[in-house]
C-alpha atoms as a PDB file:
ATOM      1  CA  MET A   1     100.828 114.141 127.771  1.00  0.00           C
ATOM      2  CA  PRO A   2      98.189 112.499 125.683  1.00  0.00           C
ATOM      3  CA  GLU A   3      99.055 114.703 122.695  1.00  0.00           C
ATOM      4  CA  LEU A   4     102.517 113.227 122.634  1.00  0.00           C
ATOM      5  CA  ASP A   5     101.207 109.747 122.896  1.00  0.00           C
ATOM      6  CA  GLU A   6      98.965 110.131 119.658  1.00  0.00           C
ATOM      7  CA  LEU A   7     101.676 111.889 118.026  1.00  0.00           C
ATOM      8  CA  ARG A   8     104.289 109.260 118.776  1.00  0.00           C
ATOM      9  CA  LEU A   9     102.037 106.262 117.830  1.00  0.00           C
ATOM     10  CA  GLY A  10     101.404 107.888 114.517  1.00  0.00           C
ATOM     11  CA  ILE A  11     105.161 108.362 114.086  1.00  0.00           C
ATOM     12  CA  LEU A  12     105.676 104.612 115.003  1.00  0.00           C
ATOM     13  CA  HIS A  13     103.223 103.672 112.367  1.00  0.00           C
ATOM     14  CA  PHE A  14     104.440 106.118 109.700  1.00  0.00           C
ATOM     15  CA  ASN A  15     108.187 105.036 110.090  1.00  0.00           C
ATOM     16  CA  LEU A  16     107.133 101.457 109.623  1.00  0.00           C
ATOM     17  CA  GLY A  17     105.452 102.291 106.315  1.00  0.00           C
ATOM     18  CA  LYS A  18     101.838 101.984 107.854  1.00  0.00           C
ATOM     19  CA  TRP A  19     100.616 105.224 106.460  1.00  0.00           C
ATOM     20  CA  TYR A  20      96.911 104.484 106.766  1.00  0.00           C
ATOM     21  CA  GLU A  21      97.446 103.401 110.447  1.00  0.00           C
ATOM     22  CA  ALA A  22      99.540 106.586 110.873  1.00  0.00           C
ATOM     23  CA  HIS A  23      96.716 108.765 109.670  1.00  0.00           C
ATOM     24  CA  GLU A  24      94.357 107.034 111.855  1.00  0.00           C
ATOM     25  CA  ALA A  25      96.493 107.634 114.852  1.00  0.00           C
ATOM     26  CA  TRP A  26      96.574 111.468 114.263  1.00  0.00           C
ATOM     27  CA  GLU A  27      93.027 112.027 112.885  1.00  0.00           C
ATOM     28  CA  GLU A  28      91.172 111.944 115.909  1.00  0.00           C
ATOM     29  CA  LYS A  29      93.598 114.418 117.608  1.00  0.00           C
ATOM     30  CA  TRP A  30      93.291 116.647 114.589  1.00  0.00           C
ATOM     31  CA  MET A  31      89.410 116.571 114.553  1.00  0.00           C
ATOM     32  CA  ALA A  32      89.415 117.596 118.358  1.00  0.00           C
ATOM     33  CA  MET A  33      91.878 120.444 117.988  1.00  0.00           C
ATOM     34  CA  GLY A  34      91.749 124.016 117.214  1.00  0.00           C
ATOM     35  CA  GLY A  35      94.383 126.510 116.309  1.00  0.00           C
ATOM     36  CA  SER A  36      97.689 125.971 114.527  1.00  0.00           C
ATOM     37  CA  GLY A  37      98.337 122.687 116.185  1.00  0.00           C
ATOM     38  CA  ARG A  38      95.409 121.494 114.042  1.00  0.00           C
ATOM     39  CA  ASP A  39      97.354 122.420 110.850  1.00  0.00           C
ATOM     40  CA  PHE A  40     100.292 120.415 111.994  1.00  0.00           C
ATOM     41  CA  TYR A  41      98.228 117.251 112.112  1.00  0.00           C
ATOM     42  CA  LYS A  42      96.428 118.000 109.160  1.00  0.00           C
ATOM     43  CA  ALA A  43      99.816 118.290 107.314  1.00  0.00           C
ATOM     44  CA  LEU A  44     100.996 114.920 108.875  1.00  0.00           C
ATOM     45  CA  ILE A  45      97.833 113.384 107.701  1.00  0.00           C
ATOM     46  CA  GLN A  46      98.075 114.717 104.275  1.00  0.00           C
ATOM     47  CA  VAL A  47     101.668 113.246 103.817  1.00  0.00           C
ATOM     48  CA  ALA A  48     100.587 109.792 105.135  1.00  0.00           C
ATOM     49  CA  VAL A  49      97.433 109.387 103.210  1.00  0.00           C
ATOM     50  CA  GLY A  50      99.191 110.683 100.073  1.00  0.00           C
ATOM     51  CA  LEU A  51     101.879 107.867 100.495  1.00  0.00           C
ATOM     52  CA  HIS A  52      99.099 105.580 101.170  1.00  0.00           C
ATOM     53  CA  HIS A  53      97.265 106.464  97.834  1.00  0.00           C
ATOM     54  CA  TRP A  54     100.467 106.410  96.012  1.00  0.00           C
ATOM     55  CA  GLU A  55     101.467 103.000  97.195  1.00  0.00           C
ATOM     56  CA  ASN A  56      97.949 101.712  96.225  1.00  0.00           C
ATOM     57  CA  HIS A  57      98.258 102.996  92.692  1.00  0.00           C
ATOM     58  CA  ASN A  58      96.597 106.339  92.955  1.00  0.00           C
ATOM     59  CA  PRO A  59      99.492 108.521  92.117  1.00  0.00           C
ATOM     60  CA  ARG A  60      97.627 111.735  91.118  1.00  0.00           C
ATOM     61  CA  GLY A  61      95.617 111.836  94.603  1.00  0.00           C
ATOM     62  CA  GLY A  62      98.978 110.820  96.394  1.00  0.00           C
ATOM     63  CA  ARG A  63     100.965 113.612  94.734  1.00  0.00           C
ATOM     64  CA  LYS A  64      98.340 116.222  95.470  1.00  0.00           C
ATOM     65  CA  LEU A  65      98.051 115.163  99.205  1.00  0.00           C
ATOM     66  CA  VAL A  66     101.780 114.942  99.696  1.00  0.00           C
ATOM     67  CA  GLN A  67     102.448 118.332  98.235  1.00  0.00           C
ATOM     68  CA  ARG A  68      99.929 119.819 100.349  1.00  0.00           C
ATOM     69  CA  GLY A  69     101.134 118.231 103.644  1.00  0.00           C
ATOM     70  CA  ARG A  70     104.812 119.035 102.791  1.00  0.00           C
ATOM     71  CA  ASN A  71     103.965 122.692 102.061  1.00  0.00           C
ATOM     72  CA  LEU A  72     102.013 122.940 105.310  1.00  0.00           C
ATOM     73  CA  LEU A  73     104.735 121.297 107.361  1.00  0.00           C
ATOM     74  CA  LEU A  74     107.359 123.875 106.040  1.00  0.00           C
ATOM     75  CA  SER A  75     105.371 126.591 108.181  1.00  0.00           C
ATOM     76  CA  PHE A  76     106.268 124.313 111.385  1.00  0.00           C
ATOM     77  CA  ALA A  77     109.919 123.751 110.274  1.00  0.00           C
ATOM     78  CA  PRO A  78     112.518 123.339 111.688  1.00  0.00           C
ATOM     79  CA  GLU A  79     111.050 121.518 114.549  1.00  0.00           C
ATOM     80  CA  HIS A  80     107.483 121.421 116.097  1.00  0.00           C
ATOM     81  CA  LEU A  81     106.371 119.346 119.203  1.00  0.00           C
ATOM     82  CA  GLY A  82     109.869 117.621 119.168  1.00  0.00           C
ATOM     83  CA  VAL A  83     109.473 116.348 115.692  1.00  0.00           C
ATOM     84  CA  ALA A  84     112.366 117.260 113.359  1.00  0.00           C
ATOM     85  CA  LEU A  85     110.762 118.551 110.330  1.00  0.00           C
ATOM     86  CA  SER A  86     113.550 120.109 108.258  1.00  0.00           C
ATOM     87  CA  ASP A  87     115.328 116.866 107.600  1.00  0.00           C
ATOM     88  CA  PHE A  88     112.219 115.065 107.079  1.00  0.00           C
ATOM     89  CA  ILE A  89     111.082 117.489 104.413  1.00  0.00           C
ATOM     90  CA  VAL A  90     114.284 116.820 102.697  1.00  0.00           C
ATOM     91  CA  GLU A  91     113.923 113.164 102.985  1.00  0.00           C
ATOM     92  CA  LEU A  92     110.381 113.418 101.704  1.00  0.00           C
ATOM     93  CA  ASP A  93     111.294 115.235  98.788  1.00  0.00           C
ATOM     94  CA  SER A  94     113.926 112.749  97.744  1.00  0.00           C
ATOM     95  CA  PHE A  95     111.689 109.948  98.136  1.00  0.00           C
ATOM     96  CA  CYS A  96     108.815 111.628  96.233  1.00  0.00           C
ATOM     97  CA  GLN A  97     111.159 112.631  93.325  1.00  0.00           C
ATOM     98  CA  PRO A  98     109.864 109.644  91.116  1.00  0.00           C
ATOM     99  CA  LEU A  99     106.252 110.825  91.721  1.00  0.00           C
ATOM    100  CA  GLU A 100     107.029 114.325  90.922  1.00  0.00           C
ATOM    101  CA  ASN A 101     108.575 113.394  87.610  1.00  0.00           C
ATOM    102  CA  TRP A 102     105.903 110.918  86.689  1.00  0.00           C
ATOM    103  CA  ASP A 103     104.391 111.711  83.267  1.00  0.00           C
ATOM    104  CA  GLY A 104     100.872 110.287  84.097  1.00  0.00           C
ATOM    105  CA  LYS A 105     100.991 107.816  81.209  1.00  0.00           C
ATOM    106  CA  SER A 106     103.719 105.232  82.133  1.00  0.00           C
ATOM    107  CA  GLU A 107     103.613 102.694  85.015  1.00  0.00           C
ATOM    108  CA  VAL A 108     103.167 104.169  88.407  1.00  0.00           C
ATOM    109  CA  PRO A 109     106.594 104.523  90.005  1.00  0.00           C
ATOM    110  CA  PHE A 110     106.843 103.624  93.806  1.00  0.00           C
ATOM    111  CA  PRO A 111     110.482 103.896  95.070  1.00  0.00           C
ATOM    112  CA  LYS A 112     111.965 100.898  96.971  1.00  0.00           C
ATOM    113  CA  PRO A 113     114.360 102.777  98.988  1.00  0.00           C
ATOM    114  CA  GLN A 114     113.905 103.675 102.539  1.00  0.00           C
ATOM    115  CA  PRO A 115     110.765 105.913 103.013  1.00  0.00           C
ATOM    116  CA  PRO A 116     111.326 109.181 104.912  1.00  0.00           C
ATOM    117  CA  ARG A 117     111.203 108.974 108.608  1.00  0.00           C
ATOM    118  CA  LEU A 118     109.725 111.135 111.309  1.00  0.00           C
ATOM    119  CA  LYS A 119     112.161 111.788 114.335  1.00  0.00           C
ATOM    120  CA  ALA A 120     110.945 112.904 117.622  1.00  0.00           C
END
């Protein structure tokens, strides 16, 4: 099924910390879709691009996109298209805690621990 191929390719990139590449893998599918499936890909893209922005020292944009994507993923939890979302959201929240607590003045925090992983 092509949808799963694109989904899995994006997951592979995401889990390697290649967030921009994950976004690229999902974007074409997202643009071609309609209905609620479109929102699922939109959420994944927002999280990936948000982490990419954060890593590249755009914490405000990163925080905003990660939050939007995370909140949209909640509507698909606990699982969608074979992707376990409940655990992923918990891992994402933990990973992004330094960004959520960032005061906007000090050095941009980017955590060094293992980033959240998507499991399909």
